[in-house]
């Protein structure tokens, strides 16, 4: 399974929207703990966002201890 988040308008920045999508998908069971997230470049390409944005969000998710 390849995770493709739905970015909703629930944050001011793309980073915030991606982090919210990650949190939401974990909470709703679409992402189980230990699931490998897609490579940064792949996810950035599929969402049409910068690779640095994905890298930043993955780092922030790790700092916050999100279970992925």
Protein backbone atom coordinates (compact mmCIF):
# COMPACT_ATOMS: atom_id res chain seq x y z
CA UNK A 1 0.00 0.00 0.00
CA UNK A 2 1.30 3.43 -0.88
CA UNK A 3 0.10 6.22 1.35
CA UNK A 4 -1.26 9.22 -0.52
CA UNK A 5 -2.65 11.75 1.93
CA UNK A 6 -5.53 14.09 1.27
CA UNK A 7 -4.43 17.63 2.09
CA UNK A 8 -7.33 19.54 3.57
CA UNK A 9 -7.52 23.26 4.22
CA UNK A 10 -7.02 22.78 7.97
CA UNK A 11 -3.68 24.60 8.23
CA UNK A 12 -2.10 27.74 6.79
CA UNK A 13 0.89 26.05 5.17
CA UNK A 14 1.40 23.01 2.98
CA UNK A 15 3.66 21.59 5.71
CA UNK A 16 0.91 22.03 8.26
CA UNK A 17 -1.64 20.42 5.96
CA UNK A 18 0.62 17.41 5.32
CA UNK A 19 1.36 16.97 9.02
CA UNK A 20 -2.37 17.18 9.78
CA UNK A 21 -3.06 14.55 7.12
CA UNK A 22 -0.43 12.28 8.65
CA UNK A 23 -1.90 12.69 12.14
CA UNK A 24 -5.44 12.16 10.83
CA UNK A 25 -4.55 9.03 8.86
CA UNK A 26 -2.77 7.52 11.87
CA UNK A 27 -5.72 8.33 14.16
CA UNK A 28 -8.24 6.89 11.69
CA UNK A 29 -6.22 3.70 11.11
CA UNK A 30 -5.25 4.31 7.50
CA UNK A 31 -1.60 4.24 8.61
CA UNK A 32 -0.64 1.59 11.13
CA UNK A 33 2.32 2.04 13.46
CA UNK A 34 5.46 0.83 11.72
CA UNK A 35 4.11 1.44 8.22
CA UNK A 36 6.87 2.76 5.99
CA UNK A 37 6.06 6.16 4.60
CA UNK A 38 6.70 6.72 0.89
CA UNK A 39 10.10 8.08 -0.12
CA UNK A 40 10.28 11.86 0.13
CA UNK A 41 10.78 12.40 -3.59
CA UNK A 42 7.90 10.07 -4.54
CA UNK A 43 5.41 11.69 -2.17
CA UNK A 44 6.48 15.21 -3.18
CA UNK A 45 5.99 14.34 -6.85
CA UNK A 46 2.56 12.76 -6.29
CA UNK A 47 1.34 15.75 -4.25
CA UNK A 48 2.98 18.39 -6.42
CA UNK A 49 4.91 19.88 -3.52
CA UNK A 50 8.59 20.41 -2.76
CA UNK A 51 10.77 17.59 -1.49
CA UNK A 52 11.98 19.88 1.29
CA UNK A 53 8.41 20.19 2.53
CA UNK A 54 8.05 16.42 2.79
CA UNK A 55 11.45 16.12 4.47
CA UNK A 56 10.49 18.79 7.00
CA UNK A 57 7.16 17.13 7.80
CA UNK A 58 8.71 13.67 8.19
CA UNK A 59 11.27 15.17 10.57
CA UNK A 60 8.63 16.99 12.59
CA UNK A 61 6.51 13.83 12.77
CA UNK A 62 9.52 11.95 14.17
CA UNK A 63 10.22 14.73 16.71
CA UNK A 64 6.60 14.58 17.84
CA UNK A 65 6.82 10.80 18.20
CA UNK A 66 4.12 10.00 15.67
CA UNK A 67 3.98 6.19 15.37
CA UNK A 68 5.10 5.63 11.78
